[in-house]
């Protein structure tokens, strides 16, 4: 496995999805917000499992495309060298964040934890500020009109049902 990816996984999703939620569960265990694990006999358990599976699959699919086509990692310190607009990126501009939000939702539901749901909201708000103000401006500088066209056609957070196709996709597929 690529060492840069391992570092990225530990630092980024590890912090967001494991370390902070674990700290929240630890701090709230003897409070009125104490976690209560959902049972497999409850619908909440199965909804949490579904959200976790979809979130993990979406994030994994996205990271695979980032590594193969982008020749980089999801980390700001090792960004992709090429603009990735294949696979899940044809449906949503930030599939890794969307996947992480689904996994946080799964944790909040599974542990029936309002504090984890609050953390999910804080994480989303932080990204909702960061992406348009910093990330997208950087992508516009690096990739120009190609990124602006992509941004105009693919939503930031909620996936479009039909995959977006560039005007030159048909020409590239015939070559």
N, C-alpha and C. Protein backbone atom coordinates (compact mmCIF):
# COMPACT_ATOMS: atom_id res chain seq x y z
N UNK A 1 0.85 -1.18 0.00
CA UNK A 1 0.00 0.00 0.00
C UNK A 1 0.89 1.24 0.00
N UNK A 2 0.47 2.24 -0.70
CA UNK A 2 1.17 3.52 -0.83
C UNK A 2 1.31 4.19 0.54
N UNK A 3 2.56 4.50 0.96
CA UNK A 3 2.82 5.07 2.28
C UNK A 3 2.10 6.39 2.50
N UNK A 4 2.03 7.22 1.45
CA UNK A 4 1.32 8.50 1.55
C UNK A 4 -0.16 8.30 1.85
N UNK A 5 -0.74 7.24 1.27
CA UNK A 5 -2.15 6.95 1.51
C UNK A 5 -2.37 6.49 2.95
N UNK A 6 -1.47 5.66 3.47
CA UNK A 6 -1.59 5.19 4.85
C UNK A 6 -1.55 6.38 5.81
N UNK A 7 -0.60 7.28 5.60
CA UNK A 7 -0.50 8.48 6.42
C UNK A 7 -1.77 9.32 6.32
N UNK A 8 -2.28 9.46 5.11
CA UNK A 8 -3.51 10.23 4.88
C UNK A 8 -4.69 9.61 5.62
N UNK A 9 -4.82 8.29 5.55
CA UNK A 9 -5.94 7.60 6.19
C UNK A 9 -5.88 7.77 7.71
N UNK A 10 -4.69 7.65 8.27
CA UNK A 10 -4.55 7.80 9.72
C UNK A 10 -4.87 9.23 10.15
N UNK A 11 -4.33 10.19 9.44
CA UNK A 11 -4.49 11.59 9.83
C UNK A 11 -5.89 12.12 9.55
N UNK A 12 -6.39 11.95 8.32
CA UNK A 12 -7.65 12.60 7.96
C UNK A 12 -8.89 11.80 8.41
N UNK A 13 -9.26 10.73 7.72
CA UNK A 13 -10.46 10.03 8.19
C UNK A 13 -10.28 9.41 9.56
N UNK A 14 -9.06 9.05 9.91
CA UNK A 14 -8.82 8.49 11.25
C UNK A 14 -9.23 9.46 12.34
N UNK A 15 -8.84 10.71 12.17
CA UNK A 15 -9.21 11.73 13.15
C UNK A 15 -10.70 11.99 13.15
N UNK A 16 -11.26 12.19 11.97
CA UNK A 16 -12.68 12.56 11.84
C UNK A 16 -13.61 11.42 12.25
N UNK A 17 -13.29 10.21 11.84
CA UNK A 17 -14.21 9.08 12.01
C UNK A 17 -13.92 8.18 13.21
N UNK A 18 -12.68 8.23 13.74
CA UNK A 18 -12.33 7.34 14.84
C UNK A 18 -11.95 8.11 16.10
N UNK A 19 -10.92 8.92 16.02
CA UNK A 19 -10.38 9.56 17.22
C UNK A 19 -11.37 10.53 17.87
N UNK A 20 -11.95 11.43 17.10
CA UNK A 20 -12.89 12.40 17.69
C UNK A 20 -14.16 11.69 18.19
N UNK A 21 -14.80 10.82 17.38
CA UNK A 21 -15.97 10.11 17.92
C UNK A 21 -15.64 9.27 19.17
N UNK A 22 -14.47 8.63 19.20
CA UNK A 22 -14.09 7.85 20.39
C UNK A 22 -13.96 8.76 21.60
N UNK A 23 -13.36 9.91 21.40
CA UNK A 23 -13.23 10.88 22.51
C UNK A 23 -14.60 11.35 22.97
N UNK A 24 -15.49 11.59 22.03
CA UNK A 24 -16.86 12.01 22.37
C UNK A 24 -17.55 10.92 23.19
N UNK A 25 -17.44 9.68 22.75
CA UNK A 25 -18.08 8.57 23.48
C UNK A 25 -17.49 8.44 24.88
N UNK A 26 -16.20 8.60 24.99
CA UNK A 26 -15.53 8.49 26.29
C UNK A 26 -15.97 9.60 27.24
N UNK A 27 -15.99 10.81 26.74
CA UNK A 27 -16.34 11.97 27.57
C UNK A 27 -17.82 11.95 27.99
N UNK A 28 -18.67 11.41 27.14
CA UNK A 28 -20.11 11.45 27.43
C UNK A 28 -20.64 10.19 28.11
N UNK A 29 -19.80 9.21 28.38
CA UNK A 29 -20.30 7.92 28.87
C UNK A 29 -21.04 8.00 30.20
N UNK A 30 -20.72 8.93 31.06
CA UNK A 30 -21.43 9.04 32.35
C UNK A 30 -22.27 10.32 32.42
N UNK A 31 -22.80 10.72 31.29
CA UNK A 31 -23.60 11.95 31.25
C UNK A 31 -24.99 11.65 30.71
N UNK A 32 -25.80 12.69 30.61
CA UNK A 32 -27.14 12.49 30.05
C UNK A 32 -27.06 12.19 28.55
N UNK A 33 -25.86 12.37 27.95
CA UNK A 33 -25.64 12.07 26.53
C UNK A 33 -24.92 10.74 26.35
N UNK A 34 -24.93 9.90 27.35
CA UNK A 34 -24.24 8.61 27.30
C UNK A 34 -24.72 7.82 26.08
N UNK A 35 -23.78 7.22 25.34
CA UNK A 35 -24.16 6.44 24.17
C UNK A 35 -24.94 5.19 24.57
N UNK A 36 -25.84 4.83 23.70
CA UNK A 36 -26.60 3.59 23.90
C UNK A 36 -26.60 2.86 22.56
N UNK A 37 -25.86 1.79 22.51
CA UNK A 37 -25.68 1.05 21.27
C UNK A 37 -27.01 0.49 20.78
N UNK A 38 -27.31 0.76 19.51
CA UNK A 38 -28.53 0.23 18.91
C UNK A 38 -28.40 -1.29 18.77
N UNK A 39 -29.47 -1.97 18.96
CA UNK A 39 -29.51 -3.43 18.87
C UNK A 39 -29.90 -3.86 17.46
N UNK A 40 -29.41 -5.02 17.01
CA UNK A 40 -29.82 -5.54 15.70
C UNK A 40 -31.33 -5.77 15.59
N UNK A 41 -32.04 -5.73 16.71
CA UNK A 41 -33.49 -5.87 16.65
C UNK A 41 -34.17 -4.53 16.36
N UNK A 42 -33.39 -3.46 16.33
CA UNK A 42 -33.94 -2.12 16.07
C UNK A 42 -33.63 -1.69 14.63
N UNK A 43 -34.56 -0.97 14.05
CA UNK A 43 -34.36 -0.44 12.69
C UNK A 43 -33.16 0.48 12.63
N UNK A 44 -32.85 1.20 13.73
CA UNK A 44 -31.72 2.14 13.77
C UNK A 44 -30.40 1.43 13.48
N UNK A 45 -30.26 0.23 14.00
CA UNK A 45 -29.04 -0.55 13.76
C UNK A 45 -28.85 -0.77 12.26
N UNK A 46 -29.91 -1.16 11.57
CA UNK A 46 -29.82 -1.48 10.15
C UNK A 46 -29.66 -0.22 9.30
N UNK A 47 -30.27 0.89 9.72
CA UNK A 47 -30.06 2.15 9.01
C UNK A 47 -28.62 2.62 9.16
N UNK A 48 -28.07 2.45 10.36
CA UNK A 48 -26.67 2.81 10.60
C UNK A 48 -25.75 1.94 9.74
N UNK A 49 -26.02 0.66 9.67
CA UNK A 49 -25.21 -0.25 8.87
C UNK A 49 -25.27 0.14 7.39
N UNK A 50 -26.46 0.46 6.91
CA UNK A 50 -26.62 0.87 5.51
C UNK A 50 -25.84 2.15 5.23
N UNK A 51 -25.96 3.15 6.10
CA UNK A 51 -25.23 4.41 5.91
C UNK A 51 -23.72 4.17 5.94
N UNK A 52 -23.26 3.31 6.84
CA UNK A 52 -21.83 3.01 6.94
C UNK A 52 -21.32 2.32 5.67
N UNK A 53 -22.07 1.36 5.17
CA UNK A 53 -21.66 0.63 3.97
C UNK A 53 -21.60 1.57 2.77
N UNK A 54 -22.63 2.39 2.59
CA UNK A 54 -22.66 3.32 1.46
C UNK A 54 -21.52 4.34 1.59
N UNK A 55 -21.33 4.88 2.80
CA UNK A 55 -20.26 5.86 3.02
C UNK A 55 -18.88 5.28 2.77
N UNK A 56 -18.63 4.08 3.28
CA UNK A 56 -17.34 3.43 3.09
C UNK A 56 -17.10 3.09 1.62
N UNK A 57 -18.12 2.58 0.95
CA UNK A 57 -17.98 2.24 -0.47
C UNK A 57 -17.72 3.49 -1.31
N UNK A 58 -18.46 4.55 -1.05
CA UNK A 58 -18.29 5.79 -1.80
C UNK A 58 -16.88 6.36 -1.58
N UNK A 59 -16.44 6.40 -0.35
CA UNK A 59 -15.10 6.92 -0.05
C UNK A 59 -14.01 6.05 -0.66
N UNK A 60 -14.14 4.75 -0.54
CA UNK A 60 -13.15 3.84 -1.11
C UNK A 60 -13.07 3.94 -2.62
N UNK A 61 -14.23 4.04 -3.25
CA UNK A 61 -14.31 4.19 -4.71
C UNK A 61 -13.60 5.48 -5.12
N UNK A 62 -13.86 6.56 -4.38
CA UNK A 62 -13.26 7.86 -4.69
C UNK A 62 -11.75 7.84 -4.51
N UNK A 63 -11.27 7.26 -3.42
CA UNK A 63 -9.83 7.21 -3.16
C UNK A 63 -9.12 6.41 -4.26
N UNK A 64 -9.74 5.33 -4.71
CA UNK A 64 -9.15 4.52 -5.78
C UNK A 64 -8.94 5.36 -7.03
N UNK A 65 -9.94 6.15 -7.41
CA UNK A 65 -9.82 7.01 -8.59
C UNK A 65 -8.80 8.11 -8.37
N UNK A 66 -8.75 8.66 -7.18
CA UNK A 66 -7.77 9.70 -6.85
C UNK A 66 -6.36 9.17 -7.04
N UNK A 67 -6.11 7.97 -6.56
CA UNK A 67 -4.77 7.37 -6.64
C UNK A 67 -4.43 6.99 -8.09
N UNK A 68 -5.34 6.29 -8.76
CA UNK A 68 -5.05 5.79 -10.10
C UNK A 68 -5.01 6.90 -11.15
N UNK A 69 -6.04 7.70 -11.21
CA UNK A 69 -6.14 8.70 -12.27
C UNK A 69 -5.50 10.03 -11.89
N UNK A 70 -5.62 10.41 -10.63
CA UNK A 70 -5.10 11.70 -10.20
C UNK A 70 -3.62 11.67 -9.86
N UNK A 71 -3.09 10.47 -9.62
CA UNK A 71 -1.68 10.31 -9.24
C UNK A 71 -1.32 11.10 -7.99
N UNK A 72 -2.20 11.04 -6.99
CA UNK A 72 -1.96 11.71 -5.72
C UNK A 72 -2.83 11.08 -4.65
N UNK A 73 -2.93 11.73 -3.51
CA UNK A 73 -3.77 11.25 -2.42
C UNK A 73 -4.81 12.32 -2.10
N UNK A 74 -5.79 12.01 -1.24
CA UNK A 74 -6.78 13.00 -0.84
C UNK A 74 -6.21 14.10 0.07
N UNK A 75 -4.99 13.94 0.51
CA UNK A 75 -4.40 14.89 1.46
C UNK A 75 -3.93 16.16 0.77
N UNK A 76 -4.11 17.30 1.44
CA UNK A 76 -3.64 18.57 0.87
C UNK A 76 -2.12 18.58 0.64
N UNK A 77 -1.37 17.78 1.40
CA UNK A 77 0.08 17.77 1.24
C UNK A 77 0.55 16.89 0.08
N UNK A 78 -0.37 16.12 -0.53
CA UNK A 78 -0.04 15.29 -1.69
C UNK A 78 -1.25 15.24 -2.63
N UNK A 79 -1.62 16.41 -3.19
CA UNK A 79 -2.83 16.45 -4.01
C UNK A 79 -2.64 15.75 -5.35
N UNK A 80 -3.74 15.42 -6.02
CA UNK A 80 -3.61 14.78 -7.33
C UNK A 80 -2.98 15.73 -8.35
N UNK A 81 -2.25 15.15 -9.28
CA UNK A 81 -1.61 15.94 -10.33
C UNK A 81 -2.57 16.21 -11.48
N UNK A 82 -3.57 15.35 -11.62
CA UNK A 82 -4.57 15.51 -12.69
C UNK A 82 -5.95 15.64 -12.07
N UNK A 83 -6.83 16.38 -12.74
CA UNK A 83 -8.21 16.54 -12.29
C UNK A 83 -8.94 15.22 -12.48
N UNK A 84 -9.57 14.73 -11.43
CA UNK A 84 -10.28 13.46 -11.48
C UNK A 84 -11.77 13.75 -11.63
N UNK A 85 -12.32 13.33 -12.79
CA UNK A 85 -13.76 13.50 -13.03
C UNK A 85 -14.34 12.22 -13.63
N UNK A 86 -13.90 11.11 -13.08
CA UNK A 86 -14.38 9.79 -13.47
C UNK A 86 -15.02 9.12 -12.25
N UNK A 87 -15.64 7.98 -12.45
CA UNK A 87 -16.20 7.21 -11.34
C UNK A 87 -17.17 8.04 -10.50
N UNK A 88 -16.99 8.05 -9.18
CA UNK A 88 -17.94 8.76 -8.32
C UNK A 88 -17.92 10.27 -8.54
N UNK A 89 -16.81 10.77 -9.09
CA UNK A 89 -16.68 12.21 -9.34
C UNK A 89 -17.58 12.69 -10.47
N UNK A 90 -18.19 11.78 -11.21
CA UNK A 90 -19.18 12.15 -12.22
C UNK A 90 -20.55 12.42 -11.57
N UNK A 91 -20.67 12.02 -10.31
CA UNK A 91 -21.94 12.20 -9.60
C UNK A 91 -21.89 13.31 -8.56
N UNK A 92 -20.73 13.46 -7.91
CA UNK A 92 -20.60 14.43 -6.81
C UNK A 92 -19.14 14.89 -6.75
N UNK A 93 -18.94 16.21 -6.49
CA UNK A 93 -17.57 16.74 -6.51
C UNK A 93 -16.74 16.31 -5.31
N UNK A 94 -17.37 16.00 -4.20
CA UNK A 94 -16.65 15.64 -2.98
C UNK A 94 -17.13 14.31 -2.41
N UNK A 95 -16.94 13.22 -3.17
CA UNK A 95 -17.47 11.94 -2.69
C UNK A 95 -16.83 11.45 -1.39
N UNK A 96 -15.58 11.83 -1.14
CA UNK A 96 -14.95 11.38 0.11
C UNK A 96 -15.59 12.06 1.32
N UNK A 97 -15.90 13.35 1.20
CA UNK A 97 -16.56 14.06 2.30
C UNK A 97 -17.99 13.55 2.46
N UNK A 98 -18.68 13.35 1.35
CA UNK A 98 -20.04 12.80 1.42
C UNK A 98 -20.01 11.43 2.09
N UNK A 99 -19.03 10.61 1.73
CA UNK A 99 -18.87 9.29 2.36
C UNK A 99 -18.57 9.41 3.85
N UNK A 100 -17.70 10.34 4.21
CA UNK A 100 -17.37 10.54 5.64
C UNK A 100 -18.59 11.00 6.41
N UNK A 101 -19.38 11.88 5.82
CA UNK A 101 -20.61 12.33 6.50
C UNK A 101 -21.58 11.17 6.71
N UNK A 102 -21.69 10.29 5.72
CA UNK A 102 -22.54 9.11 5.88
C UNK A 102 -22.03 8.19 6.99
N UNK A 103 -20.70 8.05 7.08
CA UNK A 103 -20.14 7.20 8.14
C UNK A 103 -20.33 7.85 9.51
N UNK A 104 -20.22 9.18 9.61
CA UNK A 104 -20.50 9.85 10.89
C UNK A 104 -21.97 9.71 11.26
N UNK A 105 -22.84 9.82 10.25
CA UNK A 105 -24.27 9.61 10.50
C UNK A 105 -24.50 8.20 11.04
N UNK A 106 -23.82 7.22 10.45
CA UNK A 106 -23.94 5.84 10.91
C UNK A 106 -23.50 5.71 12.37
N UNK A 107 -22.39 6.36 12.73
CA UNK A 107 -21.92 6.31 14.12
C UNK A 107 -22.92 6.96 15.06
N UNK A 108 -23.45 8.11 14.66
CA UNK A 108 -24.43 8.82 15.50
C UNK A 108 -25.67 7.96 15.72
N UNK A 109 -26.12 7.29 14.66
CA UNK A 109 -27.31 6.44 14.77
C UNK A 109 -26.99 5.18 15.59
N UNK A 110 -25.88 4.54 15.28
CA UNK A 110 -25.53 3.29 15.96
C UNK A 110 -25.39 3.50 17.47
N UNK A 111 -24.73 4.59 17.86
CA UNK A 111 -24.52 4.87 19.28
C UNK A 111 -25.62 5.74 19.87
N UNK A 112 -26.60 6.10 19.01
CA UNK A 112 -27.70 6.96 19.43
C UNK A 112 -27.14 8.16 20.20
N UNK A 113 -26.17 8.82 19.54
CA UNK A 113 -25.38 9.86 20.17
C UNK A 113 -25.61 11.23 19.54
N UNK A 114 -26.28 12.10 20.28
CA UNK A 114 -26.46 13.47 19.84
C UNK A 114 -25.12 14.19 19.73
N UNK A 115 -24.16 13.99 20.65
CA UNK A 115 -22.86 14.64 20.49
C UNK A 115 -22.12 14.24 19.19
N UNK A 116 -22.23 12.99 18.77
CA UNK A 116 -21.60 12.61 17.50
C UNK A 116 -22.36 13.25 16.33
N UNK A 117 -23.66 13.34 16.43
CA UNK A 117 -24.44 14.03 15.40
C UNK A 117 -24.03 15.51 15.34
N UNK A 118 -23.77 16.09 16.49
CA UNK A 118 -23.31 17.48 16.54
C UNK A 118 -21.93 17.59 15.89
N UNK A 119 -21.03 16.65 16.18
CA UNK A 119 -19.72 16.63 15.55
C UNK A 119 -19.86 16.52 14.03
N UNK A 120 -20.79 15.68 13.55
CA UNK A 120 -21.03 15.54 12.12
C UNK A 120 -21.44 16.89 11.53
N UNK A 121 -22.29 17.61 12.23
CA UNK A 121 -22.75 18.92 11.76
C UNK A 121 -21.59 19.92 11.72
N UNK A 122 -20.77 19.93 12.76
CA UNK A 122 -19.60 20.81 12.80
C UNK A 122 -18.65 20.48 11.65
N UNK A 123 -18.41 19.20 11.43
CA UNK A 123 -17.54 18.74 10.34
C UNK A 123 -18.09 19.22 8.99
N UNK A 124 -19.40 19.07 8.80
CA UNK A 124 -20.03 19.51 7.55
C UNK A 124 -19.89 21.02 7.38
N UNK A 125 -20.20 21.79 8.41
CA UNK A 125 -20.12 23.26 8.32
C UNK A 125 -18.68 23.69 8.00
N UNK A 126 -17.71 23.07 8.66
CA UNK A 126 -16.31 23.38 8.37
C UNK A 126 -15.96 23.14 6.91
N UNK A 127 -16.41 22.02 6.37
CA UNK A 127 -16.16 21.72 4.97
C UNK A 127 -16.96 22.61 4.03
N UNK A 128 -18.17 22.97 4.44
CA UNK A 128 -19.01 23.85 3.63
C UNK A 128 -18.40 25.25 3.52
N UNK A 129 -17.60 25.61 4.48
CA UNK A 129 -16.87 26.89 4.43
C UNK A 129 -15.55 26.71 3.67
N UNK A 130 -14.80 25.67 4.02
CA UNK A 130 -13.47 25.44 3.45
C UNK A 130 -13.50 25.21 1.94
N UNK A 131 -14.40 24.37 1.45
CA UNK A 131 -14.38 24.00 0.04
C UNK A 131 -14.60 25.18 -0.90
N UNK A 132 -15.66 25.97 -0.73
CA UNK A 132 -15.83 27.08 -1.68
C UNK A 132 -14.78 28.19 -1.51
N UNK A 133 -14.32 28.43 -0.30
CA UNK A 133 -13.38 29.53 -0.08
C UNK A 133 -11.93 29.19 -0.39
N UNK A 134 -11.53 27.94 -0.20
CA UNK A 134 -10.12 27.58 -0.36
C UNK A 134 -9.91 26.50 -1.41
N UNK A 135 -10.49 25.32 -1.18
CA UNK A 135 -10.25 24.17 -2.06
C UNK A 135 -10.63 24.45 -3.51
N UNK A 136 -11.83 24.95 -3.73
CA UNK A 136 -12.30 25.15 -5.10
C UNK A 136 -11.52 26.26 -5.81
N UNK A 137 -11.13 27.29 -5.09
CA UNK A 137 -10.32 28.35 -5.69
C UNK A 137 -8.96 27.80 -6.13
N UNK A 138 -8.38 26.94 -5.29
CA UNK A 138 -7.12 26.30 -5.65
C UNK A 138 -7.27 25.40 -6.87
N UNK A 139 -8.38 24.67 -6.94
CA UNK A 139 -8.61 23.79 -8.09
C UNK A 139 -8.81 24.60 -9.37
N UNK A 140 -9.48 25.74 -9.25
CA UNK A 140 -9.66 26.62 -10.42
C UNK A 140 -8.30 27.13 -10.91
N UNK A 141 -7.41 27.49 -9.99
CA UNK A 141 -6.08 27.95 -10.38
C UNK A 141 -5.29 26.83 -11.05
N UNK A 142 -5.37 25.62 -10.48
CA UNK A 142 -4.59 24.50 -11.01
C UNK A 142 -5.14 23.93 -12.31
N UNK A 143 -6.47 23.85 -12.42
CA UNK A 143 -7.06 23.14 -13.57
C UNK A 143 -7.90 24.02 -14.49
N UNK A 144 -8.08 25.30 -14.15
CA UNK A 144 -8.72 26.27 -15.04
C UNK A 144 -10.13 25.95 -15.47
N UNK A 145 -10.37 26.15 -16.77
CA UNK A 145 -11.71 26.00 -17.33
C UNK A 145 -12.25 24.58 -17.21
N UNK A 146 -11.36 23.60 -17.24
CA UNK A 146 -11.81 22.21 -17.10
C UNK A 146 -12.52 22.03 -15.75
N UNK A 147 -11.94 22.59 -14.69
CA UNK A 147 -12.57 22.48 -13.37
C UNK A 147 -13.83 23.34 -13.30
N UNK A 148 -13.80 24.55 -13.86
CA UNK A 148 -14.99 25.42 -13.82
C UNK A 148 -16.17 24.76 -14.53
N UNK A 149 -15.92 24.10 -15.66
CA UNK A 149 -16.97 23.39 -16.38
C UNK A 149 -17.51 22.24 -15.53
N UNK A 150 -16.61 21.50 -14.94
CA UNK A 150 -16.99 20.39 -14.06
C UNK A 150 -17.83 20.90 -12.88
N UNK A 151 -17.36 21.96 -12.24
CA UNK A 151 -18.05 22.54 -11.09
C UNK A 151 -19.46 23.02 -11.45
N UNK A 152 -19.62 23.51 -12.67
CA UNK A 152 -20.93 23.99 -13.12
C UNK A 152 -21.92 22.85 -13.36
N UNK A 153 -21.41 21.63 -13.52
CA UNK A 153 -22.28 20.50 -13.88
C UNK A 153 -22.45 19.42 -12.82
N UNK A 154 -21.59 19.42 -11.81
CA UNK A 154 -21.63 18.35 -10.80
C UNK A 154 -21.81 18.99 -9.42
N UNK A 155 -22.81 18.56 -8.65
CA UNK A 155 -23.04 19.16 -7.32
C UNK A 155 -21.93 18.86 -6.32
N UNK A 156 -21.81 19.74 -5.36
CA UNK A 156 -20.72 19.64 -4.36
C UNK A 156 -20.94 18.49 -3.38
N UNK A 157 -22.15 18.31 -2.84
CA UNK A 157 -22.36 17.36 -1.73
C UNK A 157 -23.32 16.23 -2.05
N UNK A 158 -24.46 16.53 -2.63
CA UNK A 158 -25.48 15.50 -2.87
C UNK A 158 -25.34 14.96 -4.29
N UNK A 159 -25.07 13.68 -4.44
CA UNK A 159 -24.81 13.12 -5.77
C UNK A 159 -25.99 13.27 -6.72
N UNK A 160 -25.67 13.55 -7.96
CA UNK A 160 -26.68 13.52 -9.02
C UNK A 160 -26.89 12.06 -9.40
N UNK A 161 -28.10 11.72 -9.77
CA UNK A 161 -28.40 10.32 -10.07
C UNK A 161 -27.72 9.84 -11.35
N UNK A 162 -27.77 10.65 -12.39
CA UNK A 162 -27.14 10.27 -13.66
C UNK A 162 -25.74 10.85 -13.71
N UNK A 163 -24.81 10.05 -14.12
CA UNK A 163 -23.42 10.49 -14.21
C UNK A 163 -23.28 11.62 -15.23
N UNK A 164 -22.51 12.64 -14.87
CA UNK A 164 -22.23 13.74 -15.79
C UNK A 164 -21.23 13.27 -16.84
N UNK A 165 -21.47 13.66 -18.06
CA UNK A 165 -20.57 13.32 -19.16
C UNK A 165 -20.08 14.62 -19.79
N UNK A 166 -18.76 14.71 -19.98
CA UNK A 166 -18.20 15.86 -20.68
C UNK A 166 -18.57 15.78 -22.15
N UNK A 167 -18.59 16.91 -22.81
CA UNK A 167 -18.92 16.95 -24.24
C UNK A 167 -17.97 16.08 -25.05
N UNK A 168 -16.70 16.00 -24.66
CA UNK A 168 -15.73 15.22 -25.44
C UNK A 168 -15.61 13.77 -24.99
N UNK A 169 -16.46 13.30 -24.09
CA UNK A 169 -16.41 11.90 -23.63
C UNK A 169 -16.61 10.93 -24.79
N UNK A 170 -17.58 11.23 -25.66
CA UNK A 170 -17.86 10.32 -26.78
C UNK A 170 -16.66 10.23 -27.72
N UNK A 171 -15.98 11.37 -27.95
CA UNK A 171 -14.80 11.36 -28.82
C UNK A 171 -13.68 10.54 -28.19
N UNK A 172 -13.47 10.69 -26.88
CA UNK A 172 -12.41 9.95 -26.20
C UNK A 172 -12.71 8.45 -26.21
N UNK A 173 -13.99 8.08 -26.06
CA UNK A 173 -14.36 6.66 -26.03
C UNK A 173 -14.18 6.01 -27.40
N UNK A 174 -14.31 6.80 -28.50
CA UNK A 174 -14.14 6.26 -29.85
C UNK A 174 -12.67 6.07 -30.18
N UNK A 175 -11.78 6.82 -29.55
CA UNK A 175 -10.35 6.77 -29.86
C UNK A 175 -9.72 5.49 -29.38
